[in-house]
Protein backbone atom coordinates (compact mmCIF):
# COMPACT_ATOMS: atom_id res chain seq x y z
CA MET A 1 239.45 -86.24 -34.02
CA THR A 2 237.10 -83.97 -32.35
CA ILE A 3 235.16 -86.04 -29.50
CA GLU A 4 231.86 -85.41 -31.36
CA LYS A 5 233.33 -87.53 -34.62
CA PHE A 6 234.64 -90.11 -32.17
CA ASP A 7 231.50 -90.66 -30.60
CA SER A 8 229.47 -90.89 -33.69
CA GLU A 9 232.10 -92.93 -34.90
CA ILE A 10 231.42 -95.74 -32.41
CA LYS A 11 227.69 -95.10 -31.94
CA THR A 12 227.99 -96.46 -35.92
CA LEU A 13 229.86 -99.16 -35.12
CA LYS A 14 227.49 -100.11 -32.18
CA LYS A 15 224.25 -99.99 -34.27
CA PHE A 16 225.88 -102.30 -37.19
CA PHE A 17 227.61 -104.98 -34.76
CA GLU A 18 224.38 -105.16 -32.72
CA TYR A 19 222.22 -105.40 -36.01
CA TYR A 20 224.38 -107.90 -37.53
CA CYS A 21 225.14 -109.38 -34.45
CA GLU A 22 221.75 -109.99 -33.77
CA LYS A 23 220.79 -111.72 -37.12
CA LYS A 24 223.62 -113.78 -37.50
CA HIS A 25 224.99 -114.78 -33.79
CA ASP A 26 222.74 -116.49 -30.83
CA ASP A 27 225.04 -116.07 -27.52
CA SER A 28 224.54 -112.24 -27.27
CA LYS A 29 225.18 -110.63 -24.17
CA LEU A 30 225.59 -106.76 -22.53
CA PHE A 31 228.99 -105.73 -22.46
CA ILE A 32 229.33 -102.27 -20.90
CA LYS A 33 232.51 -100.39 -21.63
CA SER A 34 234.09 -97.11 -20.34
CA ILE A 35 236.46 -95.21 -23.13
CA VAL A 36 238.47 -92.49 -22.23
CA TYR A 37 239.09 -89.92 -25.58
CA LYS A 38 240.93 -86.89 -25.35
CA GLU A 39 239.97 -86.68 -21.42
CA HIS A 40 236.34 -87.58 -22.00
CA THR A 41 234.72 -90.46 -20.61
CA PHE A 42 232.17 -92.19 -22.95
CA VAL A 43 230.30 -95.12 -21.60
CA TYR A 44 228.28 -97.41 -23.94
CA GLU A 45 226.39 -100.51 -23.74
CA PHE A 46 227.30 -103.12 -26.53
CA ASN A 47 224.40 -105.88 -26.90
CA ILE A 48 226.36 -108.31 -29.01
CA CYS A 49 228.45 -111.97 -28.56
CA GLU A 50 232.15 -112.17 -27.30
CA GLU A 51 233.42 -112.44 -31.23
CA CYS A 52 231.54 -108.86 -31.85
CA ILE A 53 232.82 -107.58 -28.72
CA LYS A 54 236.66 -108.37 -29.67
CA ASP A 55 235.95 -106.96 -32.99
CA ILE A 56 234.79 -103.64 -31.75
CA ASN A 57 237.48 -103.23 -28.74
CA TYR A 58 239.38 -104.09 -32.17
CA SER A 59 237.89 -100.90 -34.28
CA ILE A 60 237.53 -99.19 -31.22
CA ASN A 61 241.13 -99.12 -30.71
CA LYS A 62 241.84 -97.74 -34.27
CA LEU A 63 240.09 -94.97 -33.71
CA GLU A 64 241.83 -93.79 -30.39
CA ASN A 65 244.78 -94.23 -32.61
CA CYS A 66 243.39 -92.91 -35.59
CA VAL A 67 246.14 -90.08 -37.01
CA HIS A 68 243.79 -88.24 -38.62
CA GLU A 69 242.56 -84.87 -37.37
CA GLU A 70 239.45 -85.30 -39.96
CA LYS A 71 239.06 -88.98 -39.79
CA PRO A 72 238.50 -90.07 -43.53
CA ARG A 73 236.37 -93.09 -43.90
CA CYS A 74 238.46 -96.55 -43.78
CA ARG A 75 238.00 -97.65 -47.21
CA LYS A 76 239.40 -94.12 -48.84
CA CYS A 77 242.07 -93.76 -46.00
CA PRO A 78 245.57 -92.40 -47.50
CA ASN A 79 247.21 -94.91 -44.95
CA PRO A 80 244.98 -97.71 -43.57
CA CYS A 81 245.29 -99.17 -39.95
CA TYR A 82 243.11 -102.08 -40.43
CA GLU A 83 244.57 -105.57 -41.35
CA LYS A 84 243.35 -106.34 -44.39
CA ASN A 85 241.70 -109.40 -42.95
CA MET A 86 240.03 -107.04 -40.31
CA TRP A 87 238.97 -104.87 -42.94
CA LYS A 88 237.52 -107.33 -45.08
CA LYS A 89 235.32 -108.72 -42.05
CA PHE A 90 234.17 -105.28 -40.90
CA ALA A 91 233.24 -104.16 -44.85
CA LYS A 92 231.33 -107.85 -44.64
CA ILE A 93 229.61 -106.64 -41.52
CA MET A 94 228.80 -103.09 -42.44
CA LYS A 95 227.74 -103.39 -46.02
CA TYR A 96 224.79 -106.53 -44.59
CA SER A 97 223.86 -104.26 -42.06
CA GLY A 98 223.89 -100.98 -44.36
CA ILE A 99 221.82 -102.94 -46.87
CA HIS A 100 219.24 -103.41 -44.11
CA PHE A 101 219.44 -98.94 -43.03
CA LYS A 102 219.38 -98.30 -46.44
CA LEU A 103 216.05 -100.58 -47.02
CA ASN A 104 214.24 -99.54 -43.74
CA SER A 105 214.60 -95.78 -44.71
CA ILE A 106 213.48 -96.21 -48.57
CA LYS A 107 210.50 -98.01 -47.00
CA SER A 108 209.75 -94.98 -44.31
CA SER A 109 210.11 -92.38 -47.15
CA LEU A 110 207.80 -94.35 -49.36
CA PHE A 111 205.13 -94.92 -46.79
CA SER A 112 204.95 -91.94 -45.03
């Protein structure tokens, strides 16, 4: 996976998890995470709770170890690396946040 794709994937996770955590959990705080991927260092700030940072770390670990040069969407991956219970949990988070972001983009296109 390219460095740009890796960064994009992390930013997507960040956006979706921060929205979900803000709406569902009360105890968010700032976490700063430094990640080295293909000799490039990224620094991300996450404003989420302890449970969500554990989940983000799980996802980041899976991304770092993704065997695909061209990363597919996880739900279409021929050899999924997520444990089934984690995949279901993340699908729920991504769906919840994705619906919000999609509705907001529809609203903004209607009223602009």
